[in-house]
Amino acid sequence: MPKLVTQVLADGPIAQVKTAPAKGQPSVVLITLDGLPATFLRDPAVSLPNLRRLAQQGVAAEGMIVANPSVTWPNHTTLITGVYPATHGVLFNGVLQRPGLGLPPKTEAKKDGRELVAVPTLFDFAKQAGLATAGINWPCTRNIDAVDDNMPDVPEFFESSTPGLISDLKQNQILTDELIKNFYKYSGTVRDDMWTAAATYVIRHRMPQFMTIHLLNVDGVHHKYGPRTPGGDAAVAYIDTCLGRILDAIESSGNAGNTTIIVTADHGFISIPQSIRPNVKLKQAGLLTTSGNRVDSARAYAIPEGGIAMVFLTVPESKAADRQKVVELFKDSEGILSILQPAEFAAYGLPDPADHPGMADLILVAKDGYGFSAVATGDETIVESDTTLGTHGFLSTNPKMNAILVMAGRGIRAGASFGTENSPGIVRNVDVAPTIAHLLKLKLPQTDGRVLTEVLIPQE
């Protein structure tokens, strides 16, 4: 594999190697560039030299259809399970908690992977097969012993990371006490730099056979400024340099010829000049009450997930009447595209609320250009967006939610085309896990996807 655009930042001294990388062993490195839309790969105004060179060496999809809800943790979980949220159970960037009848639910991110994910993941199957594993900033992996070198995507993640990995990163000056202390005060660029340095350290020093890497800054900048803005374009250009560093590390690991590289994302992005405040409308209808900035009670409460809002009806005795009232409130409201009822959830890969305690009773779907806010104060139900000018979370039937997918390296038939006769160039993110399992000769007992055989070299 030709050497790609060189790294621009140091990834720690290579001299202090404790364990040699495994050579001759098949490896798969799965990298997500959070919030990178499929259209960016072919947009000449977007700077992605490393990703494009990788695509030239392998294959690139026209688009990858993501799972609902099109947010980070559910889709990262689909990528390593091959099943939709209806099966793996992750619906938010955390776990829904219900404090009691008539009270607003909330989400909690500080949860272990086993509390979040209802099915085994590729990490579990790889570990059962005796393969070495690693995860850098990967969601829903806290305290998962199937990940040998683990730095999970969770608040206060240093406390949940593998102690040996943290020790090695400190010894190699990749982590410092100051960086750990101030990590969340620093910019997303600094955080992605650290995660990239940690990933390249693991690759160079002890190349695992299954590794996941999640880089996050593009998502944060797209939320703040919107996609295809000067800030957004700069974030994309920077993340490509991080990708280049990872690719260089693979090239120098001694195992490049045996490594499959998969670069993808969890969702696309949409600019949202307008923000919908459904909880204000629910308050005006007498379905929730507030004091100051606090919601005191709520027979109905909306939790926003970008382009959708999950509406929870919290009082069983009045649920039927409250459901009808919510539908009447929003069916002709500005910015509302549709309202989904439980009978429709399965078609979108979502569970029935009767089967999943974290599932909503209704889903509000926004039109393009609108996003949802959790604000319940004030009287305005539609406001101009200010601090959030871009979002995702829209139904995956919206092509703007499609994510990138590039594969190259071992087992990939360079120049092949993704998709089927009925859907050329388009794949689904449930197809990624079965394809990885095939490459590593693992068996997934349950999957909603398929092996992407059209881009693979037949195995002997």
Protein backbone atom coordinates (compact mmCIF):
# COMPACT_ATOMS: atom_id res chain seq x y z
CA MET A 1 0.00 0.00 0.00
CA PRO A 2 1.61 3.33 -1.03
CA LYS A 3 2.46 5.76 1.71
CA LEU A 4 -0.22 8.43 2.11
CA VAL A 5 0.01 12.14 2.86
CA THR A 6 2.42 12.39 5.76
CA GLN A 7 1.45 13.14 9.33
CA VAL A 8 1.90 16.71 10.51
CA LEU A 9 2.01 16.05 14.26
CA ALA A 10 4.16 13.68 16.28
CA ASP A 11 2.51 10.58 17.69
CA GLY A 12 4.96 9.87 20.47
CA PRO A 13 8.47 8.42 20.33
CA ILE A 14 8.51 5.09 18.57
CA ALA A 15 11.68 3.92 20.34
CA GLN A 16 9.91 2.86 23.55
CA VAL A 17 8.13 -0.15 22.08
CA LYS A 18 7.03 -2.69 24.71
CA THR A 19 5.39 -5.29 22.48
CA ALA A 20 6.05 -5.86 18.80
CA PRO A 21 3.14 -5.55 16.37
CA ALA A 22 1.68 -8.84 15.22
CA LYS A 23 2.92 -9.63 11.72
CA GLY A 24 1.21 -11.94 9.28
CA GLN A 25 -2.12 -11.80 11.12
CA PRO A 26 -5.25 -10.46 9.39
CA SER A 27 -6.32 -7.17 10.94
CA VAL A 28 -9.27 -4.83 10.45
CA VAL A 29 -9.13 -1.17 11.48
CA LEU A 30 -12.54 0.52 11.54
CA ILE A 31 -12.35 4.33 11.63
CA THR A 32 -15.31 6.67 11.99
CA LEU A 33 -15.08 10.36 11.10
CA ASP A 34 -18.11 11.52 13.05
CA GLY A 35 -20.55 13.64 11.05
CA LEU A 36 -18.89 13.33 7.62
CA PRO A 37 -21.62 13.23 4.92
CA ALA A 38 -21.30 10.90 1.94
CA THR A 39 -21.36 13.77 -0.55
CA PHE A 40 -18.12 15.27 0.79
CA LEU A 41 -15.93 12.55 -0.72
CA ARG A 42 -16.78 13.65 -4.27
CA ASP A 43 -17.01 17.39 -3.60
CA PRO A 44 -13.83 19.02 -4.99
CA ALA A 45 -14.34 21.99 -2.66
CA VAL A 46 -13.80 19.73 0.38
CA SER A 47 -10.18 18.94 1.30
CA LEU A 48 -9.86 15.17 1.86
CA PRO A 49 -6.61 14.08 0.15
CA ASN A 50 -5.91 11.09 2.40
CA LEU A 51 -9.44 9.74 2.27
CA ARG A 52 -9.59 10.15 -1.51
CA ARG A 53 -6.27 8.41 -1.98
CA LEU A 54 -7.48 5.55 0.16
CA ALA A 55 -10.64 5.36 -1.97
CA GLN A 56 -8.49 5.21 -5.11
CA GLN A 57 -6.61 2.26 -3.62
CA GLY A 58 -9.83 0.48 -2.70
CA VAL A 59 -13.56 1.11 -3.02
CA ALA A 60 -15.95 3.89 -2.06
CA ALA A 61 -19.73 3.85 -1.75
CA GLU A 62 -21.93 6.55 -3.22
CA GLY A 63 -23.56 6.60 0.20
CA MET A 64 -24.16 4.49 3.26
CA ILE A 65 -27.66 4.50 4.75
CA VAL A 66 -27.45 4.80 8.52
CA ALA A 67 -29.70 3.54 11.30
CA ASN A 68 -32.45 5.41 13.13
CA PRO A 69 -32.05 7.47 15.15
CA SER A 70 -29.20 8.90 13.06
CA VAL A 71 -27.12 9.87 16.10
CA THR A 72 -23.71 8.78 17.34
CA TRP A 73 -24.06 5.97 19.86
CA PRO A 74 -26.85 4.03 18.13
CA ASN A 75 -25.00 4.05 14.81
CA HIS A 76 -21.60 3.18 16.23
CA THR A 77 -23.29 0.23 17.91
CA THR A 78 -24.91 -0.85 14.64
CA LEU A 79 -21.49 -0.71 12.95
CA ILE A 80 -20.11 -3.36 15.34
CA THR A 81 -23.22 -5.51 15.73
CA GLY A 82 -24.83 -5.55 12.29
CA VAL A 83 -28.29 -5.02 13.78
CA TYR A 84 -30.63 -2.05 14.08
CA PRO A 85 -31.45 -0.32 17.38
CA ALA A 86 -34.66 -2.35 17.63
CA THR A 87 -32.35 -5.28 18.40
CA HIS A 88 -29.23 -3.80 20.00
CA GLY A 89 -31.25 -1.39 22.12
CA VAL A 90 -29.17 1.81 21.93
CA LEU A 91 -31.50 4.74 21.17
CA PHE A 92 -29.63 7.74 22.61
CA ASN A 93 -26.10 8.80 23.47
CA GLY A 94 -26.81 7.18 26.82
CA VAL A 95 -29.57 5.31 28.64
CA LEU A 96 -33.05 6.71 29.17
CA GLN A 97 -34.00 7.12 32.81
CA ARG A 98 -37.57 7.58 34.02
CA PRO A 99 -37.63 9.30 37.43
CA GLY A 100 -41.32 8.57 38.03
CA LEU A 101 -44.88 9.08 36.86
CA GLY A 102 -45.58 12.56 35.59
CA LEU A 103 -41.89 13.51 35.58
CA PRO A 104 -39.68 14.26 32.55
CA PRO A 105 -37.31 11.46 31.53
CA LYS A 106 -33.63 12.14 30.92
CA THR A 107 -30.61 10.38 29.45
CA GLU A 108 -27.51 9.25 31.33
CA ALA A 109 -24.23 8.64 29.48
CA LYS A 110 -22.15 7.26 32.36
CA LYS A 111 -23.14 3.66 31.80
CA ASP A 112 -21.20 0.48 31.09
CA GLY A 113 -21.38 -1.12 27.68
CA ARG A 114 -23.35 -4.09 29.01
CA GLU A 115 -26.02 -1.70 30.33
CA LEU A 116 -26.33 -0.10 26.91
CA VAL A 117 -25.98 -2.85 24.31
CA ALA A 118 -28.35 -5.82 24.41
CA VAL A 119 -26.42 -8.09 22.02
CA PRO A 120 -22.80 -9.25 21.59
CA THR A 121 -20.54 -7.06 19.45
CA LEU A 122 -17.63 -7.77 17.14
CA PHE A 123 -15.37 -7.19 20.14
CA ASP A 124 -17.00 -10.13 21.91
CA PHE A 125 -16.74 -12.45 18.93
CA ALA A 126 -13.14 -11.39 18.22
CA LYS A 127 -12.15 -11.99 21.82
CA GLN A 128 -13.84 -15.40 21.84
CA ALA A 129 -11.73 -16.27 18.78
CA GLY A 130 -8.55 -15.24 20.58
CA LEU A 131 -7.97 -12.05 18.59
CA ALA A 132 -6.32 -8.95 20.05
CA THR A 133 -8.66 -5.93 20.16
CA ALA A 134 -8.54 -2.19 20.76
CA GLY A 135 -11.00 0.70 20.82
CA ILE A 136 -10.21 4.40 20.86
CA ASN A 137 -13.10 6.73 21.78
CA TRP A 138 -15.65 4.10 20.74
CA PRO A 139 -19.15 4.48 22.19
CA CYS A 140 -20.84 1.93 24.45
CA THR A 141 -17.64 0.12 25.41
CA ARG A 142 -17.04 1.28 28.99
CA ASN A 143 -15.77 -1.58 31.17
CA ILE A 144 -16.02 -4.08 28.32
CA ASP A 145 -13.30 -6.67 28.97
CA ALA A 146 -13.44 -7.88 25.36
CA VAL A 147 -11.54 -4.69 24.41
CA ASP A 148 -7.87 -5.23 25.32
CA ASP A 149 -6.77 -1.61 24.88
CA ASN A 150 -9.82 0.50 25.61
CA MET A 151 -10.34 4.26 25.73
CA PRO A 152 -14.16 4.47 25.60
CA ASP A 153 -16.34 7.34 24.42
CA VAL A 154 -17.89 8.23 27.76
CA PRO A 155 -17.69 11.21 30.14
CA GLU A 156 -14.57 11.06 32.34
CA PHE A 157 -13.25 8.33 30.07
CA PHE A 158 -9.73 8.39 31.54
CA GLU A 159 -11.15 6.67 34.63
CA SER A 160 -12.67 3.95 32.45
CA SER A 161 -9.72 3.38 30.12
CA THR A 162 -7.44 0.35 30.29
CA PRO A 163 -4.84 1.19 32.97
CA GLY A 164 -1.98 -0.32 31.00
CA LEU A 165 -2.82 1.76 27.94
CA ILE A 166 -3.00 4.97 29.98
CA SER A 167 0.34 4.13 31.58
CA ASP A 168 2.00 3.53 28.21
CA LEU A 169 0.60 6.76 26.77
CA LYS A 170 1.91 8.71 29.77
CA GLN A 171 5.35 7.12 29.47
CA ASN A 172 5.48 8.13 25.82
CA GLN A 173 4.37 11.73 26.49
CA ILE A 174 1.13 11.29 24.56
CA LEU A 175 -0.78 11.89 27.77
CA THR A 176 0.22 14.40 30.41
CA ASP A 177 -1.36 15.24 33.75
CA GLU A 178 -2.25 18.68 32.37
CA LEU A 179 -3.98 17.21 29.33
CA ILE A 180 -5.97 14.79 31.47
CA LYS A 181 -6.98 17.54 33.91
CA ASN A 182 -8.10 20.00 31.22
CA PHE A 183 -9.16 17.61 28.45
CA TYR A 184 -12.77 18.78 28.21
CA LYS A 185 -11.74 22.43 28.43
CA TYR A 186 -9.65 22.10 25.29
CA SER A 187 -10.95 22.26 21.73
CA GLY A 188 -12.22 19.30 19.77
CA THR A 189 -9.08 19.59 17.66
CA VAL A 190 -6.90 18.88 20.70
CA ARG A 191 -9.09 15.93 21.68
CA ASP A 192 -8.96 14.39 18.19
CA ASP A 193 -5.20 14.92 18.19
CA MET A 194 -4.88 12.92 21.41
CA TRP A 195 -7.17 10.13 20.23
CA THR A 196 -5.20 9.95 16.98
CA ALA A 197 -1.90 9.79 18.85
CA ALA A 198 -3.28 7.05 21.11
CA ALA A 199 -4.49 5.10 18.08
CA THR A 200 -1.19 5.35 16.24
CA TYR A 201 0.66 4.25 19.37
CA VAL A 202 -1.46 1.10 19.65
CA ILE A 203 -1.11 0.36 15.93
CA ARG A 204 2.67 0.78 15.88
CA HIS A 205 3.37 -1.01 19.14
CA ARG A 206 0.90 -3.89 19.24
CA MET A 207 -1.17 -4.01 16.09
CA PRO A 208 -4.51 -5.55 17.13
CA GLN A 209 -6.52 -7.78 14.84
CA PHE A 210 -9.68 -5.77 15.37
CA MET A 211 -9.51 -2.07 16.21
CA THR A 212 -12.01 0.77 16.19
CA ILE A 213 -11.22 4.50 16.19
CA HIS A 214 -13.76 7.32 16.54
CA LEU A 215 -12.77 10.94 15.75
CA LEU A 216 -15.30 13.54 16.82
CA ASN A 217 -14.35 17.14 16.03
CA VAL A 218 -16.09 17.44 12.65
CA ASP A 219 -19.40 16.65 14.35
CA GLY A 220 -18.88 19.32 16.99
CA VAL A 221 -17.93 22.01 14.49
CA HIS A 222 -20.78 21.08 12.13
CA HIS A 223 -23.20 21.42 15.04
CA LYS A 224 -21.88 24.87 15.89
CA TYR A 225 -21.47 26.37 12.42
CA GLY A 226 -23.21 23.98 10.03
CA PRO A 227 -21.75 21.85 7.21
CA ARG A 228 -19.94 23.45 4.26
CA THR A 229 -19.05 26.55 6.25
CA PRO A 230 -15.49 27.89 6.66
CA GLY A 231 -15.32 26.39 10.15
CA GLY A 232 -16.79 23.10 9.02
CA ASP A 233 -14.47 22.83 6.02
CA ALA A 234 -11.44 23.53 8.23
CA ALA A 235 -12.51 20.79 10.64
CA VAL A 236 -12.88 18.33 7.77
CA ALA A 237 -9.42 19.21 6.42
CA TYR A 238 -7.92 18.68 9.87
CA ILE A 239 -9.63 15.32 10.40
CA ASP A 240 -8.14 14.18 7.10
CA THR A 241 -4.66 14.87 8.49
CA CYS A 242 -5.57 12.71 11.50
CA LEU A 243 -6.63 9.96 9.11
CA GLY A 244 -3.30 10.36 7.32
CA ARG A 245 -1.43 9.81 10.60
CA ILE A 246 -3.39 6.62 11.26
CA LEU A 247 -2.74 5.34 7.74
CA ASP A 248 0.98 6.11 8.10
CA ALA A 249 1.02 4.17 11.37
CA ILE A 250 -0.57 1.16 9.67
CA GLU A 251 1.99 1.41 6.87
CA SER A 252 4.87 1.37 9.37
CA SER A 253 3.36 -1.31 11.62
CA GLY A 254 4.82 -4.19 9.67
CA ASN A 255 1.35 -5.58 9.05
CA ALA A 256 0.00 -3.24 6.36
CA GLY A 257 -0.30 -6.01 3.78
CA ASN A 258 -2.56 -7.97 6.11
CA THR A 259 -4.73 -5.05 7.19
CA THR A 260 -8.16 -4.02 5.94
CA ILE A 261 -8.98 -0.35 6.49
CA ILE A 262 -12.60 0.78 6.71
CA VAL A 263 -13.37 4.50 7.00
CA THR A 264 -16.95 5.51 7.57
CA ALA A 265 -19.19 7.82 9.61
CA ASP A 266 -22.23 7.60 11.81
CA HIS A 267 -24.44 10.09 9.95
CA GLY A 268 -24.52 13.05 7.61
CA PHE A 269 -25.46 16.64 8.46
CA ILE A 270 -28.07 19.30 7.66
CA SER A 271 -27.99 23.05 8.24
CA ILE A 272 -30.81 24.18 10.54
CA PRO A 273 -31.51 27.93 10.50
CA GLN A 274 -34.69 27.31 12.54
CA SER A 275 -35.14 25.59 15.91
CA ILE A 276 -38.40 24.00 17.10
CA ARG A 277 -39.17 24.02 20.83
CA PRO A 278 -41.79 21.30 21.30
CA ASN A 279 -41.68 21.46 25.09
CA VAL A 280 -42.84 25.08 24.99
CA LYS A 281 -45.89 23.99 23.00
CA LEU A 282 -46.49 21.12 25.44
CA LYS A 283 -46.28 23.61 28.31
CA GLN A 284 -48.77 25.92 26.62
CA ALA A 285 -51.15 22.97 26.24
CA GLY A 286 -50.92 22.15 29.95
CA LEU A 287 -48.97 18.93 29.41
CA LEU A 288 -45.92 20.06 31.36
CA THR A 289 -45.10 22.67 34.00
CA THR A 290 -41.96 24.67 34.71
CA SER A 291 -40.43 26.86 37.37
CA GLY A 292 -37.53 28.95 36.14
CA ASN A 293 -35.49 26.79 33.80
CA ARG A 294 -36.64 23.55 35.40
CA VAL A 295 -39.39 21.23 34.19
CA ASP A 296 -41.31 20.26 37.33
CA SER A 297 -43.84 17.87 35.85
CA ALA A 298 -44.64 16.45 32.43
CA ARG A 299 -47.43 14.23 31.21
CA ALA A 300 -45.72 14.63 27.83
CA TYR A 301 -42.06 15.52 27.31
CA ALA A 302 -39.90 15.75 24.17
CA ILE A 303 -36.24 14.70 24.12
CA PRO A 304 -34.60 16.13 20.99
CA GLU A 305 -32.27 14.07 18.83
CA GLY A 306 -31.57 16.67 16.17
CA GLY A 307 -34.02 16.15 13.33
CA ILE A 308 -36.42 14.10 15.42
CA ALA A 309 -37.87 14.52 18.89
CA MET A 310 -38.76 11.53 21.04
CA VAL A 311 -42.01 12.25 22.88
CA PHE A 312 -42.67 10.38 26.12
CA LEU A 313 -46.11 10.09 27.70
CA THR A 314 -45.45 9.54 31.39
CA VAL A 315 -48.88 8.97 33.00
CA PRO A 316 -50.51 5.64 32.05
CA GLU A 317 -54.03 6.71 33.04
CA SER A 318 -54.05 9.67 30.66
CA LYS A 319 -51.75 8.26 27.95
CA ALA A 320 -54.42 7.75 25.29
CA ALA A 321 -55.85 11.23 25.70
CA ASP A 322 -52.39 12.80 25.94
CA ARG A 323 -51.30 11.01 22.77
CA GLN A 324 -54.23 12.45 20.83
CA LYS A 325 -53.59 15.90 22.26
CA VAL A 326 -49.92 15.80 21.20
CA VAL A 327 -50.86 14.71 17.68
CA GLU A 328 -53.39 17.54 17.39
CA LEU A 329 -50.83 20.05 18.69
CA PHE A 330 -48.16 19.21 16.15
CA LYS A 331 -49.85 17.81 13.05
CA ASP A 332 -50.05 21.19 11.30
CA SER A 333 -47.20 22.93 13.14
CA GLU A 334 -44.45 24.82 11.33
CA GLY A 335 -41.40 22.68 10.67
CA ILE A 336 -43.09 19.34 11.39
CA LEU A 337 -42.83 16.86 8.52
CA SER A 338 -44.61 13.94 10.18
CA ILE A 339 -45.53 12.27 13.47
CA LEU A 340 -44.66 8.60 13.84
CA GLN A 341 -46.80 6.25 15.91
CA PRO A 342 -45.56 2.95 17.44
CA ALA A 343 -47.09 0.90 14.62
CA GLU A 344 -44.64 2.63 12.26
CA PHE A 345 -41.49 2.23 14.37
CA ALA A 346 -40.47 -1.23 13.12
CA ALA A 347 -40.22 0.03 9.53
CA TYR A 348 -37.49 2.40 10.73
CA GLY A 349 -35.57 -0.23 12.71
CA LEU A 350 -36.88 1.06 16.03
CA PRO A 351 -38.41 -0.95 18.90
CA ASP A 352 -41.97 -0.87 20.13
CA PRO A 353 -42.25 1.05 23.43
CA ALA A 354 -44.00 -2.01 24.87
CA ASP A 355 -40.75 -3.96 24.36
CA HIS A 356 -38.12 -1.34 25.22
CA PRO A 357 -38.29 0.89 28.33
CA GLY A 358 -36.27 3.60 26.62
CA MET A 359 -38.43 3.95 23.52
CA ALA A 360 -40.66 6.96 22.96
CA ASP A 361 -44.43 6.86 22.55
CA LEU A 362 -44.38 9.23 19.55
CA ILE A 363 -41.71 10.66 17.26
CA LEU A 364 -41.86 14.16 15.80
CA VAL A 365 -39.97 14.45 12.51
CA ALA A 366 -38.63 17.83 11.39
CA LYS A 367 -38.52 19.22 7.88
CA ASP A 368 -35.16 20.08 6.35
CA GLY A 369 -33.89 23.34 7.81
CA TYR A 370 -35.42 22.71 11.23
CA GLY A 371 -34.03 21.00 14.31
CA PHE A 372 -35.47 20.31 17.74
CA SER A 373 -34.51 21.93 21.05
CA ALA A 374 -35.23 20.78 24.61
CA VAL A 375 -35.95 24.34 25.81
CA ALA A 376 -39.22 24.58 27.75
CA THR A 377 -39.01 28.21 28.92
CA GLY A 378 -40.43 31.28 27.24
CA ASP A 379 -43.32 31.47 24.80
CA GLU A 380 -41.66 31.09 21.39
CA THR A 381 -42.12 27.70 19.79
CA ILE A 382 -39.98 28.46 16.70
CA VAL A 383 -36.78 30.51 16.99
CA GLU A 384 -33.80 31.27 14.81
CA SER A 385 -30.96 28.88 15.59
CA ASP A 386 -28.04 30.53 17.31
CA THR A 387 -25.64 28.15 19.08
CA THR A 388 -26.54 25.12 16.92
CA LEU A 389 -26.57 25.75 13.17
CA GLY A 390 -26.27 22.15 12.01
CA THR A 391 -27.62 18.79 13.13
CA HIS A 392 -28.38 15.18 12.24
CA GLY A 393 -30.88 12.75 13.73
CA PHE A 394 -33.25 13.01 10.74
CA LEU A 395 -34.82 9.81 9.48
CA SER A 396 -32.35 7.71 7.53
CA THR A 397 -34.66 7.88 4.51
CA ASN A 398 -33.34 11.43 4.09
CA PRO A 399 -30.28 11.04 1.80
CA LYS A 400 -28.56 13.94 3.58
CA MET A 401 -28.08 11.53 6.50
CA ASN A 402 -26.02 9.15 4.31
CA ALA A 403 -22.48 8.62 5.56
CA ILE A 404 -19.19 7.95 3.80
CA LEU A 405 -17.86 4.41 3.39
CA VAL A 406 -14.39 3.62 2.05
CA MET A 407 -12.64 0.24 2.22
CA ALA A 408 -9.10 -0.66 1.18
CA GLY A 409 -6.35 -3.16 1.88
CA ARG A 410 -6.43 -6.87 2.54
CA GLY A 411 -9.39 -8.67 0.99
CA ILE A 412 -10.76 -5.63 -0.85
CA ARG A 413 -11.10 -5.76 -4.64
CA ALA A 414 -9.76 -2.36 -5.69
CA GLY A 415 -11.96 -0.55 -8.19
CA ALA A 416 -15.04 -2.66 -7.49
CA SER A 417 -18.46 -1.11 -6.99
CA PHE A 418 -20.69 -1.25 -3.93
CA GLY A 419 -24.37 -2.01 -4.05
CA THR A 420 -26.81 -4.25 -5.85
CA GLU A 421 -28.59 -4.05 -9.19
CA ASN A 422 -31.55 -2.39 -7.49
CA SER A 423 -29.40 -0.06 -5.39
CA PRO A 424 -26.09 0.65 -7.16
CA GLY A 425 -23.45 2.41 -5.08
CA ILE A 426 -25.56 2.38 -1.93
CA VAL A 427 -25.05 0.16 1.12
CA ARG A 428 -26.40 0.10 4.67
CA ASN A 429 -24.40 0.43 7.84
CA VAL A 430 -25.77 -2.91 9.06
CA ASP A 431 -23.61 -4.43 6.29
CA VAL A 432 -20.34 -3.31 7.88
CA ALA A 433 -20.22 -5.76 10.81
CA PRO A 434 -21.00 -8.89 8.74
CA THR A 435 -18.31 -7.83 6.27
CA ILE A 436 -15.74 -7.39 9.04
CA ALA A 437 -16.74 -10.75 10.52
CA HIS A 438 -16.22 -12.35 7.10
CA LEU A 439 -12.77 -10.78 6.76
CA LEU A 440 -11.74 -12.02 10.21
CA LYS A 441 -13.48 -15.41 9.79
CA LEU A 442 -15.84 -14.73 12.68
CA LYS A 443 -19.46 -15.82 12.82
CA LEU A 444 -22.26 -13.38 13.63
CA PRO A 445 -25.29 -15.40 14.76
CA GLN A 446 -27.69 -12.51 14.20
CA THR A 447 -27.53 -9.70 11.67
CA ASP A 448 -29.80 -7.37 9.74
CA GLY A 449 -27.12 -6.83 7.09
CA ARG A 450 -25.16 -8.78 4.52
CA VAL A 451 -21.54 -9.40 3.62
CA LEU A 452 -20.50 -6.92 0.94
CA THR A 453 -19.19 -9.66 -1.33
CA GLU A 454 -19.30 -7.43 -4.41
CA VAL A 455 -16.17 -5.59 -3.22
CA LEU A 456 -14.32 -8.53 -1.64
CA ILE A 457 -11.66 -10.82 -3.07
CA PRO A 458 -13.03 -14.37 -2.74
CA GLN A 459 -11.46 -16.21 0.18
CA GLU A 460 -9.81 -19.56 -0.38
